[in-house]
Protein backbone atom coordinates (compact mmCIF):
# COMPACT_ATOMS: atom_id res chain seq x y z
CA THR A 1 0.00 0.06 -0.02
CA ASN A 2 0.96 3.55 -0.62
CA ILE A 3 -0.92 5.13 2.21
CA PHE A 4 0.60 6.71 5.48
CA PRO A 5 -1.28 5.53 8.48
CA ASP A 6 -0.39 8.34 10.75
CA LEU A 7 -1.69 11.11 8.41
CA THR A 8 -5.25 11.95 7.84
CA VAL A 9 -7.10 11.00 4.64
CA LEU A 10 -6.84 14.52 3.41
CA GLU A 11 -3.20 14.73 4.08
CA ASN A 12 -2.62 11.45 2.15
CA CYS A 13 -4.41 12.86 -0.83
CA LEU A 14 -2.70 16.08 -0.62
CA LEU A 15 0.72 14.45 -0.95
CA ALA A 16 -0.38 12.51 -3.90
CA VAL A 17 -1.53 15.78 -5.57
CA GLN A 18 1.37 17.73 -4.55
CA ALA A 19 3.73 15.06 -5.81
CA LEU A 20 2.22 15.60 -9.45
CA THR A 21 2.28 19.48 -9.62
CA PRO A 22 4.91 22.15 -9.46
CA ALA A 23 4.17 22.65 -5.82
CA ARG A 24 6.40 19.43 -5.20
CA PHE A 25 9.38 21.91 -5.57
CA ALA A 26 8.17 24.31 -3.06
CA MET A 27 9.04 22.36 0.09
CA LEU A 28 9.39 25.49 2.25
CA ARG A 29 5.95 26.73 1.54
CA PRO A 30 3.04 25.26 3.47
CA VAL A 31 0.46 23.21 1.53
CA GLY A 32 -2.02 25.62 2.48
CA ALA A 33 -0.45 28.13 0.16
CA PHE A 34 -1.77 26.00 -2.74
CA PRO A 35 -5.64 26.14 -2.52
CA GLU A 36 -5.87 24.41 -5.76
CA LEU A 37 -4.24 21.40 -4.35
CA HIS A 38 -6.91 21.21 -1.53
CA GLU A 39 -9.73 21.41 -4.22
CA ARG A 40 -8.11 18.71 -6.24
CA ALA A 41 -7.57 16.47 -3.31
CA ARG A 42 -11.17 16.88 -1.97
CA THR A 43 -12.56 16.25 -5.52
CA ALA A 44 -10.73 12.96 -5.40
CA LEU A 45 -12.04 12.13 -1.93
CA GLU A 46 -15.48 12.97 -3.13
CA ALA A 47 -15.09 10.70 -6.19
CA VAL A 48 -14.39 7.69 -3.91
CA GLY A 49 -17.03 8.66 -0.96
CA LEU A 50 -14.32 9.66 1.53
CA ASP A 51 -15.04 13.23 1.89
CA ALA A 52 -16.78 12.92 5.17
CA LEU A 53 -13.67 11.18 6.48
CA ALA A 54 -11.12 13.68 5.25
CA GLU A 55 -9.90 14.54 8.76
CA ALA A 56 -9.71 10.87 9.97
CA GLN A 57 -6.53 9.21 10.59
CA VAL A 58 -5.93 6.63 8.15
CA ARG A 59 -5.09 4.00 10.73
CA ASN A 60 -8.68 4.31 11.98
CA LEU A 61 -10.23 3.46 8.54
CA SER A 62 -11.37 -0.10 7.77
CA HIS A 63 -9.66 -2.02 5.12
CA GLY A 64 -12.38 -1.24 2.55
CA GLU A 65 -11.98 2.44 3.29
CA GLN A 66 -8.21 2.20 2.97
CA ARG A 67 -8.77 0.58 -0.57
CA GLN A 68 -11.01 3.46 -1.39
CA LEU A 69 -8.27 6.03 -0.40
CA GLU A 70 -5.87 4.14 -2.69
CA VAL A 71 -8.16 4.74 -5.49
CA ALA A 72 -8.52 8.40 -4.66
CA LEU A 73 -4.72 8.74 -4.67
CA ALA A 74 -4.83 7.30 -8.21
CA LEU A 75 -7.54 9.63 -9.32
CA ALA A 76 -5.80 12.69 -7.87
CA GLY A 77 -3.27 12.37 -10.58
CA ARG A 78 -6.02 12.59 -13.16
CA PRO A 79 -5.24 9.50 -15.08
CA ARG A 80 -6.23 8.55 -18.40
CA LEU A 81 -5.39 4.86 -17.65
CA LEU A 82 -6.11 3.32 -14.20
CA LEU A 83 -4.50 0.05 -13.41
CA LEU A 84 -6.27 -2.08 -10.62
CA ASP A 85 -4.92 -5.14 -9.25
CA GLU A 86 -7.72 -7.13 -7.62
CA PRO A 87 -9.59 -4.11 -6.21
CA THR A 88 -11.98 -6.06 -4.31
CA ALA A 89 -9.39 -8.70 -2.68
CA GLY A 90 -9.79 -9.09 0.90
CA LEU A 91 -13.10 -7.00 1.10
CA SER A 92 -16.17 -8.09 2.66
CA PRO A 93 -19.31 -8.54 0.28
CA ALA A 94 -20.57 -5.16 1.33
CA GLU A 95 -17.08 -3.42 0.81
CA SER A 96 -16.78 -5.19 -2.49
CA ARG A 97 -20.29 -3.86 -3.53
CA LEU A 98 -19.17 -0.41 -2.60
CA MET A 99 -15.90 -0.74 -4.44
CA ALA A 100 -17.80 -1.92 -7.63
CA ASP A 101 -20.25 1.13 -7.34
CA LEU A 102 -17.31 3.47 -7.04
CA LEU A 103 -15.62 1.96 -10.12
CA ARG A 104 -18.68 2.10 -12.13
CA ARG A 105 -19.12 5.84 -11.30
CA LEU A 106 -15.64 6.73 -12.53
CA ASP A 107 -15.38 9.16 -15.28
CA PRO A 108 -15.90 7.14 -18.66
CA ALA A 109 -12.95 8.99 -20.08
CA ILE A 110 -10.66 6.89 -17.83
CA THR A 111 -9.66 3.54 -19.19
CA VAL A 112 -9.63 0.94 -16.47
CA LEU A 113 -7.26 -2.09 -16.79
CA MET A 114 -8.25 -4.56 -14.01
CA ILE A 115 -7.12 -7.74 -12.85
CA GLU A 116 -9.92 -9.48 -10.75
CA HIS A 117 -10.62 -13.17 -9.64
CA ASP A 118 -14.14 -12.37 -8.56
CA MET A 119 -15.70 -13.13 -11.98
CA ASP A 120 -19.14 -11.56 -10.95
CA ILE A 121 -17.37 -8.26 -10.36
CA ALA A 122 -15.10 -8.49 -13.37
CA LEU A 123 -18.03 -9.16 -15.68
CA GLU A 124 -20.17 -6.59 -14.13
CA LEU A 125 -17.62 -3.79 -14.45
CA SER A 126 -16.17 -4.46 -17.73
CA GLU A 127 -16.89 -4.07 -21.36
CA MET A 128 -14.07 -6.14 -22.66
CA VAL A 129 -12.71 -9.20 -20.92
CA THR A 130 -9.78 -11.53 -21.27
CA VAL A 131 -10.16 -14.71 -19.27
CA LEU A 132 -7.02 -16.86 -18.36
CA HIS A 133 -6.91 -20.35 -17.12
CA TYR A 134 -3.45 -21.50 -15.93
CA GLY A 135 -1.78 -18.69 -17.89
CA GLN A 136 -3.56 -19.32 -21.21
CA ILE A 137 -6.24 -17.12 -22.67
CA ILE A 138 -9.33 -19.07 -22.81
CA ALA A 139 -11.71 -16.25 -23.89
CA ASP A 140 -11.36 -12.69 -25.12
CA GLY A 141 -13.92 -10.24 -26.24
CA ARG A 142 -17.03 -8.37 -25.20
CA ARG A 143 -18.61 -9.00 -21.91
CA ASP A 144 -21.70 -10.95 -22.91
CA ASP A 145 -19.72 -13.07 -25.41
CA VAL A 146 -17.05 -14.07 -22.77
CA LYS A 147 -20.00 -14.76 -20.33
CA ALA A 148 -21.63 -16.99 -22.71
CA ASP A 149 -18.40 -18.80 -23.65
CA PRO A 150 -18.85 -22.61 -22.70
CA GLN A 151 -15.30 -23.09 -21.41
CA VAL A 152 -15.69 -19.84 -19.17
CA ARG A 153 -19.07 -21.13 -17.89
CA GLU A 154 -17.56 -24.48 -17.09
CA ILE A 155 -14.34 -23.32 -15.37
CA TYR A 156 -15.36 -19.99 -13.58
CA LEU A 157 -19.19 -19.65 -13.40
CA GLY A 158 -19.94 -23.25 -12.46
CA ALA A 159 -22.30 -23.79 -15.16
């Protein structure tokens, strides 16, 4: 993880934003001197539903909230491509649902490349899907076509 447990949610996000702007070279000026950084950090926190926890210490967040914060840190960089490695791994069913909802709400201009072992989540969130089995591609294409593939159904969907 790339979060600092002793800092607040907002401070973590401010660090991510500051690292991507010319303000990273102004180490002797307080971050408060850059109101645009605060606005960008708060926008990222709102996008993942953590704006109400901005002043909370990260160590007090649940595992799911910490994963949401990690997505906020990535979004703070205004990416065109977002790489996600098992975004729902280790989350409870309720937290997985929140993460899926969060990812579904992302700006459609952001391309998401995701590795996900939960086939329900992967198929729900993806337009294009590549399915691997023991390192071999067994299906590749549009979500509905992959969902209907007999080999995918047998191996991963239990049908």
